[in-house]
């Protein structure tokens, strides 16, 4: 599972080292057919539709059902996209009241594969939305790790990855 590496009243920061190259992680994060394969779990929610084009300025959208049978959607605008390196997009969920927040995912090559740091920010003044999303991001990263294949088996352990303001441990 991803190691929590920081949270403030405004953001959630998670990170992990994945044993696949950055290009492979990028494809899993940006191709709708791959997103459908791993983003969600029938015990909580399942995505049924993804529209995503990793080009700055493009609109994206995901739709699905929750475990109780209700529907949800989330969408936004791609803010920045540098293939195999950086993906940032606005996050506008239907299930909790919050102005658009921002997902920022960085992918850095490391000898083991890819260092992924995922920051979800923009929660200041919206503690309910922060609480709701705090529980979701580790599960999303865990499903991504499992989806990426046998090299991401349990022998891989999550490590804390310091942010720019945190000293290395």
C-alpha atoms as a PDB file:
ATOM      1  CA  UNK A   1       0.000   0.000   0.000  1.00  0.00           C
ATOM      2  CA  UNK A   2       1.130   3.577  -0.570  1.00  0.00           C
ATOM      3  CA  UNK A   3       2.787   5.290   2.340  1.00  0.00           C
ATOM      4  CA  UNK A   4       1.133   8.501   3.485  1.00  0.00           C
ATOM      5  CA  UNK A   5       3.769  11.147   3.253  1.00  0.00           C
ATOM      6  CA  UNK A   6       1.934  14.212   4.371  1.00  0.00           C
ATOM      7  CA  UNK A   7      -1.328  15.958   4.901  1.00  0.00           C
ATOM      8  CA  UNK A   8      -2.288  19.496   5.707  1.00  0.00           C
ATOM      9  CA  UNK A   9      -5.689  21.176   5.921  1.00  0.00           C
ATOM     10  CA  UNK A  10      -5.333  21.813   2.179  1.00  0.00           C
ATOM     11  CA  UNK A  11      -3.763  18.682   0.714  1.00  0.00           C
ATOM     12  CA  UNK A  12      -3.114  14.961   0.772  1.00  0.00           C
ATOM     13  CA  UNK A  13       0.265  13.667  -0.406  1.00  0.00           C
ATOM     14  CA  UNK A  14       0.942   9.987  -1.141  1.00  0.00           C
ATOM     15  CA  UNK A  15       3.907   8.309  -2.744  1.00  0.00           C
ATOM     16  CA  UNK A  16       5.325   4.987  -3.774  1.00  0.00           C
ATOM     17  CA  UNK A  17       8.125   3.435  -5.786  1.00  0.00           C
ATOM     18  CA  UNK A  18       6.710   1.231  -8.540  1.00  0.00           C
ATOM     19  CA  UNK A  19       8.803  -1.465 -10.241  1.00  0.00           C
ATOM     20  CA  UNK A  20       7.878  -0.452 -13.775  1.00  0.00           C
ATOM     21  CA  UNK A  21       9.190   2.348 -16.015  1.00  0.00           C
ATOM     22  CA  UNK A  22       7.551   5.798 -15.970  1.00  0.00           C
ATOM     23  CA  UNK A  23       6.060   5.277 -19.462  1.00  0.00           C
ATOM     24  CA  UNK A  24       4.136   2.230 -18.185  1.00  0.00           C
ATOM     25  CA  UNK A  25       2.761   4.167 -15.217  1.00  0.00           C
ATOM     26  CA  UNK A  26       1.857   7.068 -17.527  1.00  0.00           C
ATOM     27  CA  UNK A  27      -0.196   4.772 -19.765  1.00  0.00           C
ATOM     28  CA  UNK A  28      -2.053   3.322 -16.773  1.00  0.00           C
ATOM     29  CA  UNK A  29      -2.874   6.875 -15.619  1.00  0.00           C
ATOM     30  CA  UNK A  30      -3.954   8.289 -18.981  1.00  0.00           C
ATOM     31  CA  UNK A  31      -5.533   5.593 -21.173  1.00  0.00           C
ATOM     32  CA  UNK A  32      -9.291   5.236 -20.579  1.00  0.00           C
ATOM     33  CA  UNK A  33      -9.269   1.469 -21.178  1.00  0.00           C
ATOM     34  CA  UNK A  34      -6.551   1.048 -18.557  1.00  0.00           C
ATOM     35  CA  UNK A  35      -8.218   3.416 -16.080  1.00  0.00           C
ATOM     36  CA  UNK A  36     -11.396   1.332 -16.349  1.00  0.00           C
ATOM     37  CA  UNK A  37      -9.390  -1.791 -15.546  1.00  0.00           C
ATOM     38  CA  UNK A  38      -7.952  -0.594 -12.232  1.00  0.00           C
ATOM     39  CA  UNK A  39      -9.635   2.577 -10.899  1.00  0.00           C
ATOM     40  CA  UNK A  40     -12.316   1.273  -8.579  1.00  0.00           C
ATOM     41  CA  UNK A  41     -13.317  -1.799  -6.629  1.00  0.00           C
ATOM     42  CA  UNK A  42     -16.797  -3.373  -6.544  1.00  0.00           C
ATOM     43  CA  UNK A  43     -16.775  -3.284  -2.730  1.00  0.00           C
ATOM     44  CA  UNK A  44     -16.671   0.545  -2.783  1.00  0.00           C
ATOM     45  CA  UNK A  45     -17.201   1.951  -6.277  1.00  0.00           C
ATOM     46  CA  UNK A  46     -16.601   0.927  -9.866  1.00  0.00           C
ATOM     47  CA  UNK A  47     -15.928   3.191 -12.830  1.00  0.00           C
ATOM     48  CA  UNK A  48     -18.024   2.347 -15.878  1.00  0.00           C
ATOM     49  CA  UNK A  49     -16.830   5.080 -18.251  1.00  0.00           C
ATOM     50  CA  UNK A  50     -13.670   7.152 -18.644  1.00  0.00           C
ATOM     51  CA  UNK A  51     -12.983   9.930 -21.130  1.00  0.00           C
ATOM     52  CA  UNK A  52      -9.423  11.187 -20.792  1.00  0.00           C
ATOM     53  CA  UNK A  53      -6.973  12.803 -23.188  1.00  0.00           C
ATOM     54  CA  UNK A  54      -3.710  13.899 -21.521  1.00  0.00           C
ATOM     55  CA  UNK A  55      -3.486  17.262 -23.269  1.00  0.00           C
ATOM     56  CA  UNK A  56      -3.462  20.520 -21.298  1.00  0.00           C
ATOM     57  CA  UNK A  57      -6.819  22.250 -21.636  1.00  0.00           C
ATOM     58  CA  UNK A  58      -8.810  19.129 -22.508  1.00  0.00           C
ATOM     59  CA  UNK A  59     -11.835  18.085 -20.423  1.00  0.00           C
ATOM     60  CA  UNK A  60     -11.952  14.650 -18.805  1.00  0.00           C
ATOM     61  CA  UNK A  61     -14.718  12.698 -17.069  1.00  0.00           C
ATOM     62  CA  UNK A  62     -15.264   9.424 -15.226  1.00  0.00           C
ATOM     63  CA  UNK A  63     -18.618   7.877 -14.311  1.00  0.00           C
ATOM     64  CA  UNK A  64     -19.536   4.893 -12.225  1.00  0.00           C
ATOM     65  CA  UNK A  65     -21.599   3.241  -9.534  1.00  0.00           C
ATOM     66  CA  UNK A  66     -21.002   2.873  -5.818  1.00  0.00           C
ATOM     67  CA  UNK A  67     -21.466  -0.295  -3.768  1.00  0.00           C
ATOM     68  CA  UNK A  68     -25.006   0.794  -2.799  1.00  0.00           C
ATOM     69  CA  UNK A  69     -25.984   1.121  -6.470  1.00  0.00           C
ATOM     70  CA  UNK A  70     -25.851   4.912  -6.663  1.00  0.00           C
ATOM     71  CA  UNK A  71     -24.125   6.722  -9.481  1.00  0.00           C
ATOM     72  CA  UNK A  72     -21.292   9.236  -9.415  1.00  0.00           C
ATOM     73  CA  UNK A  73     -19.212  11.299 -11.767  1.00  0.00           C
ATOM     74  CA  UNK A  74     -16.007  13.248 -11.515  1.00  0.00           C
ATOM     75  CA  UNK A  75     -14.361  15.391 -14.121  1.00  0.00           C
ATOM     76  CA  UNK A  76     -12.353  18.493 -14.793  1.00  0.00           C
ATOM     77  CA  UNK A  77      -9.735  19.990 -17.039  1.00  0.00           C
ATOM     78  CA  UNK A  78      -6.225  18.719 -17.654  1.00  0.00           C
ATOM     79  CA  UNK A  79      -3.959  21.484 -16.353  1.00  0.00           C
ATOM     80  CA  UNK A  80      -0.562  20.117 -17.325  1.00  0.00           C
ATOM     81  CA  UNK A  81       0.668  16.977 -19.066  1.00  0.00           C
ATOM     82  CA  UNK A  82       4.288  16.015 -19.697  1.00  0.00           C
ATOM     83  CA  UNK A  83       4.316  12.393 -20.915  1.00  0.00           C
ATOM     84  CA  UNK A  84       5.901   9.933 -18.479  1.00  0.00           C
ATOM     85  CA  UNK A  85       6.732  12.766 -16.081  1.00  0.00           C
ATOM     86  CA  UNK A  86       3.875  15.010 -14.870  1.00  0.00           C
ATOM     87  CA  UNK A  87       0.091  14.947 -14.937  1.00  0.00           C
ATOM     88  CA  UNK A  88      -2.062  17.618 -13.274  1.00  0.00           C
ATOM     89  CA  UNK A  89      -5.806  17.996 -13.564  1.00  0.00           C
ATOM     90  CA  UNK A  90      -8.776  19.638 -11.865  1.00  0.00           C
ATOM     91  CA  UNK A  91     -10.954  17.251  -9.816  1.00  0.00           C
ATOM     92  CA  UNK A  92     -14.684  18.068  -9.589  1.00  0.00           C
ATOM     93  CA  UNK A  93     -16.547  15.238  -7.792  1.00  0.00           C
ATOM     94  CA  UNK A  94     -20.326  14.847  -7.752  1.00  0.00           C
ATOM     95  CA  UNK A  95     -20.486  13.198  -4.315  1.00  0.00           C
ATOM     96  CA  UNK A  96     -19.094  15.914  -2.039  1.00  0.00           C
ATOM     97  CA  UNK A  97     -19.442  19.681  -2.043  1.00  0.00           C
ATOM     98  CA  UNK A  98     -16.093  21.285  -2.763  1.00  0.00           C
ATOM     99  CA  UNK A  99     -14.793  23.666  -5.410  1.00  0.00           C
ATOM    100  CA  UNK A 100     -12.486  22.082  -7.977  1.00  0.00           C
ATOM    101  CA  UNK A 101      -9.388  20.638  -6.348  1.00  0.00           C
ATOM    102  CA  UNK A 102      -6.158  19.681  -8.118  1.00  0.00           C
ATOM    103  CA  UNK A 103      -4.494  16.321  -8.629  1.00  0.00           C
ATOM    104  CA  UNK A 104      -0.771  16.556  -9.388  1.00  0.00           C
ATOM    105  CA  UNK A 105       1.096  13.344 -10.144  1.00  0.00           C
ATOM    106  CA  UNK A 106       4.837  13.310 -10.728  1.00  0.00           C
ATOM    107  CA  UNK A 107       6.730  10.332 -12.123  1.00  0.00           C
ATOM    108  CA  UNK A 108      10.494  10.181 -11.714  1.00  0.00           C
ATOM    109  CA  UNK A 109      12.725   7.371 -12.976  1.00  0.00           C
ATOM    110  CA  UNK A 110      14.682   5.639 -10.213  1.00  0.00           C
ATOM    111  CA  UNK A 111      16.816   2.477 -10.341  1.00  0.00           C
ATOM    112  CA  UNK A 112      13.879   0.405  -9.002  1.00  0.00           C
ATOM    113  CA  UNK A 113      11.448   1.791 -11.627  1.00  0.00           C
ATOM    114  CA  UNK A 114       9.340   4.903 -10.988  1.00  0.00           C
ATOM    115  CA  UNK A 115       8.967   7.173  -7.992  1.00  0.00           C
ATOM    116  CA  UNK A 116       5.353   8.353  -8.011  1.00  0.00           C
ATOM    117  CA  UNK A 117       4.226  11.282  -5.860  1.00  0.00           C
ATOM    118  CA  UNK A 118       0.509  12.118  -5.931  1.00  0.00           C
ATOM    119  CA  UNK A 119      -0.670  15.372  -4.359  1.00  0.00           C
ATOM    120  CA  UNK A 120      -4.364  16.226  -4.113  1.00  0.00           C
ATOM    121  CA  UNK A 121      -4.730  19.869  -3.045  1.00  0.00           C
ATOM    122  CA  UNK A 122      -7.334  22.600  -2.707  1.00  0.00           C
ATOM    123  CA  UNK A 123      -9.281  21.436   0.362  1.00  0.00           C
ATOM    124  CA  UNK A 124      -8.798  24.539   2.539  1.00  0.00           C
ATOM    125  CA  UNK A 125     -12.116  25.302   4.229  1.00  0.00           C
ATOM    126  CA  UNK A 126     -13.646  21.949   3.204  1.00  0.00           C
ATOM    127  CA  UNK A 127     -12.789  19.460   5.976  1.00  0.00           C
ATOM    128  CA  UNK A 128     -15.523  16.986   4.960  1.00  0.00           C
ATOM    129  CA  UNK A 129     -14.142  16.758   1.426  1.00  0.00           C
ATOM    130  CA  UNK A 130     -10.596  16.388   2.787  1.00  0.00           C
ATOM    131  CA  UNK A 131     -11.728  13.562   5.079  1.00  0.00           C
ATOM    132  CA  UNK A 132     -13.623  11.851   2.242  1.00  0.00           C
ATOM    133  CA  UNK A 133     -10.629  11.934  -0.099  1.00  0.00           C
ATOM    134  CA  UNK A 134      -8.017  11.096   2.560  1.00  0.00           C
ATOM    135  CA  UNK A 135      -9.363   7.560   2.708  1.00  0.00           C
ATOM    136  CA  UNK A 136      -9.614   7.147  -1.045  1.00  0.00           C
ATOM    137  CA  UNK A 137      -6.179   8.010  -2.371  1.00  0.00           C
ATOM    138  CA  UNK A 138      -4.265   5.147  -0.662  1.00  0.00           C
ATOM    139  CA  UNK A 139      -6.734   2.655  -2.143  1.00  0.00           C
ATOM    140  CA  UNK A 140      -6.375   4.183  -5.601  1.00  0.00           C
ATOM    141  CA  UNK A 141      -2.587   3.844  -5.412  1.00  0.00           C
ATOM    142  CA  UNK A 142      -2.841   0.280  -4.109  1.00  0.00           C
ATOM    143  CA  UNK A 143      -5.066  -0.727  -7.027  1.00  0.00           C
ATOM    144  CA  UNK A 144      -2.683   0.965  -9.480  1.00  0.00           C
ATOM    145  CA  UNK A 145       0.243  -0.938  -7.984  1.00  0.00           C
ATOM    146  CA  UNK A 146      -1.601  -4.277  -8.252  1.00  0.00           C
ATOM    147  CA  UNK A 147      -2.724  -3.512 -11.805  1.00  0.00           C
ATOM    148  CA  UNK A 148       0.817  -2.838 -12.970  1.00  0.00           C
ATOM    149  CA  UNK A 149       1.618  -6.502 -12.620  1.00  0.00           C
ATOM    150  CA  UNK A 150       3.674  -9.170 -10.957  1.00  0.00           C
ATOM    151  CA  UNK A 151       6.651  -6.882 -10.432  1.00  0.00           C
ATOM    152  CA  UNK A 152       4.356  -4.985  -8.072  1.00  0.00           C
ATOM    153  CA  UNK A 153       3.681  -8.033  -5.878  1.00  0.00           C
ATOM    154  CA  UNK A 154       3.687  -7.803  -2.050  1.00  0.00           C
ATOM    155  CA  UNK A 155       7.482  -8.075  -1.953  1.00  0.00           C
ATOM    156  CA  UNK A 156       7.501  -4.400  -2.940  1.00  0.00           C
ATOM    157  CA  UNK A 157       7.116  -2.235   0.122  1.00  0.00           C
ATOM    158  CA  UNK A 158       5.842   1.312   0.166  1.00  0.00           C
ATOM    159  CA  UNK A 159       8.295   3.947   1.298  1.00  0.00           C
ATOM    160  CA  UNK A 160       7.795   7.462   2.469  1.00  0.00           C
ATOM    161  CA  UNK A 161       8.963   9.930  -0.119  1.00  0.00           C
ATOM    162  CA  UNK A 162       9.744  13.352   1.321  1.00  0.00           C
ATOM    163  CA  UNK A 163       8.162  16.391  -0.253  1.00  0.00           C
ATOM    164  CA  UNK A 164      10.230  19.465  -1.022  1.00  0.00           C
ATOM    165  CA  UNK A 165       9.648  20.828   2.480  1.00  0.00           C
ATOM    166  CA  UNK A 166      10.400  17.555   4.277  1.00  0.00           C
ATOM    167  CA  UNK A 167      13.863  16.192   5.114  1.00  0.00           C
ATOM    168  CA  UNK A 168      14.768  12.771   3.774  1.00  0.00           C
ATOM    169  CA  UNK A 169      14.338   9.965   6.331  1.00  0.00           C
END
